[in-house]
Each structure stands twice: as structure tokens, then as C-alpha cells.
Amino acid sequence: MALSPEERERLQALEERIAAARSAMEGAPERRVGHVARAGQAWRMVIDLVSGMGVGFALGYGIDYLFGTSPVFLVVFLLLGFAAGVRVMLQTAREVGKVLEEDAARRREEEGGRAR
């Protein structure tokens, strides 16, 4: 089936629009991956906090159970678990900040190279 000149023009215009859209979307997958990675880092921080508190709870409850004490050790170890979780969260936040700074510096260098 042969294409008419009008159909060829429409097809050529469509191919140009597709090419323009592809060139505009060139950096988009990288941005999506960045968002997914950041979400993973956020979940990691939440899990670190909850697991620290869980371990503190378990240790405190176990010691209280063994010694037959009131929930003194439970409270103490729960607070220690919370402190440990916050500490790990802050370390993760520093790591994420460092990666974001490196990415920003790399993008500035790339943009500076394009401008020249």
C-alpha cells in the first residue's frame, strides 16, 4: 500500500514530534530513579528507627521478665533503642546529603561544560 504525499507529510511530522519528545525525556529516567532511591533512603531511616526501638523493647522486656522487676528496664532500653535509631537515621541523612551535594556538583560541571 503506497502512501500519499499528504500521509507522508503527516508521518514525517509525527516522527519529528516523537524525536523531539525523546530528546526532551532524555534525563527523565535518571530523575525517576533518583526519586525511587530517595524513597528507599527514607524507608531505610524509618526502619532503622523502628528496629532500634524494637530491639530496645525486646531487651528491656526480657530483662524485666528475668528479674521480675517493674518496667524499669523496658523504659530504659526503649529510650536507648530510640537514641540508637535516631543516631543511625542521622548518619543516613548525612550520607544522603553527601550524595545529593555530589550530584549537584556534577550537574553544575556538566552545565558549565555545555555553556562553553
Protein backbone atom coordinates (compact mmCIF):
# COMPACT_ATOMS: atom_id res chain seq x y z
CA MET A 1 0.00 0.00 0.00
CA ALA A 2 1.57 3.23 -1.14
CA LEU A 3 1.34 6.35 0.96
CA SER A 4 0.00 9.54 -0.49
CA PRO A 5 2.14 12.70 -0.24
CA GLU A 6 -0.22 14.05 2.45
CA GLU A 7 0.16 10.89 4.54
CA ARG A 8 3.94 11.02 4.14
CA GLU A 9 3.98 14.61 5.43
CA ARG A 10 1.84 13.64 8.41
CA LEU A 11 4.09 10.66 9.12
CA GLN A 12 7.21 12.84 8.86
CA ALA A 13 5.67 15.41 11.25
CA LEU A 14 4.80 12.62 13.70
CA GLU A 15 8.36 11.25 13.56
CA GLU A 16 9.73 14.72 14.27
CA ARG A 17 7.41 15.14 17.25
CA ILE A 18 8.44 11.73 18.59
CA ALA A 19 12.13 12.59 18.19
CA ALA A 20 11.62 15.92 19.99
CA ALA A 21 9.76 14.19 22.83
CA ARG A 22 12.50 11.57 23.17
CA SER A 23 15.23 14.19 23.33
CA ALA A 24 13.25 16.13 25.96
CA MET A 25 12.77 12.97 28.04
CA GLU A 26 16.46 12.00 27.87
CA GLY A 27 17.17 12.91 31.53
CA ALA A 28 13.77 11.84 32.90
CA PRO A 29 14.59 8.20 33.74
CA GLU A 30 17.55 9.37 35.82
CA ARG A 31 15.26 11.70 37.77
CA ARG A 32 12.75 8.91 38.37
CA VAL A 33 15.49 6.61 39.62
CA GLY A 34 16.65 9.40 41.92
CA HIS A 35 13.17 9.71 43.42
CA VAL A 36 12.97 5.96 43.96
CA ALA A 37 16.40 5.93 45.58
CA ARG A 38 15.41 8.80 47.88
CA ALA A 39 12.24 6.99 48.86
CA GLY A 40 14.33 3.92 49.63
CA GLN A 41 16.61 6.01 51.82
CA ALA A 42 13.60 7.43 53.67
CA TRP A 43 12.23 3.95 54.30
CA ARG A 44 15.66 2.86 55.47
CA MET A 45 15.67 5.65 58.06
CA VAL A 46 12.18 4.72 59.29
CA ILE A 47 13.12 1.05 59.55
CA ASP A 48 16.32 1.94 61.42
CA LEU A 49 14.34 3.91 63.97
CA VAL A 50 11.64 1.27 64.42
CA SER A 51 14.12 -1.60 64.60
CA GLY A 52 16.20 0.24 67.22
CA MET A 53 13.11 0.77 69.32
CA GLY A 54 12.03 -2.85 68.77
CA VAL A 55 15.38 -4.21 69.92
CA GLY A 56 15.32 -1.90 72.93
CA PHE A 57 11.79 -3.01 73.78
CA ALA A 58 12.70 -6.69 73.49
CA LEU A 59 15.82 -6.37 75.62
CA GLY A 60 14.07 -4.29 78.27
CA TYR A 61 11.08 -6.60 78.43
CA GLY A 62 13.32 -9.66 78.61
CA ILE A 63 15.42 -8.26 81.44
CA ASP A 64 12.30 -7.15 83.32
CA TYR A 65 10.83 -10.62 82.86
CA LEU A 66 14.00 -12.36 84.08
CA PHE A 67 14.39 -10.20 87.18
CA GLY A 68 10.67 -9.76 87.87
CA THR A 69 11.03 -6.01 88.02
CA SER A 70 8.55 -3.36 87.05
CA PRO A 71 9.04 -1.96 83.55
CA VAL A 72 12.13 -0.01 84.57
CA PHE A 73 14.45 -1.78 82.13
CA LEU A 74 11.78 -1.70 79.44
CA VAL A 75 11.66 2.10 79.59
CA VAL A 76 15.44 2.45 79.81
CA PHE A 77 16.16 0.14 76.88
CA LEU A 78 13.30 1.57 74.83
CA LEU A 79 14.85 5.02 75.21
CA LEU A 80 18.30 3.63 74.38
CA GLY A 81 16.83 1.94 71.29
CA PHE A 82 15.20 5.20 70.27
CA ALA A 83 18.51 7.06 70.69
CA ALA A 84 20.33 4.42 68.65
CA GLY A 85 17.68 4.62 65.92
CA VAL A 86 17.92 8.40 65.76
CA ARG A 87 21.71 8.17 65.59
CA VAL A 88 21.55 5.78 62.65
CA MET A 89 18.92 7.99 60.98
CA LEU A 90 21.23 10.99 61.25
CA GLN A 91 24.10 9.01 59.73
CA THR A 92 21.86 8.00 56.84
CA ALA A 93 20.72 11.61 56.38
CA ARG A 94 24.37 12.72 56.21
CA GLU A 95 25.07 10.06 53.57
CA VAL A 96 22.07 11.17 51.52
CA GLY A 97 23.11 14.82 51.83
CA LYS A 98 26.61 13.98 50.67
CA VAL A 99 25.28 12.12 47.62
CA LEU A 100 22.92 14.99 46.76
CA GLU A 101 25.77 17.51 47.02
CA GLU A 102 27.94 15.36 44.73
CA ASP A 103 25.09 15.07 42.21
CA ALA A 104 24.51 18.83 42.30
CA ALA A 105 28.22 19.49 41.77
CA ARG A 106 28.33 17.02 38.88
CA ARG A 107 25.30 18.67 37.25
CA ARG A 108 26.84 22.14 37.66
CA GLU A 109 30.02 20.89 35.98
CA GLU A 110 28.02 19.34 33.13
CA GLU A 111 26.01 22.53 32.63
CA GLY A 112 29.19 24.60 32.75
CA GLY A 113 30.75 22.37 30.11
CA ARG A 114 27.73 22.75 27.84
CA ALA A 115 27.72 26.52 28.17
CA ARG A 116 31.30 26.80 26.95
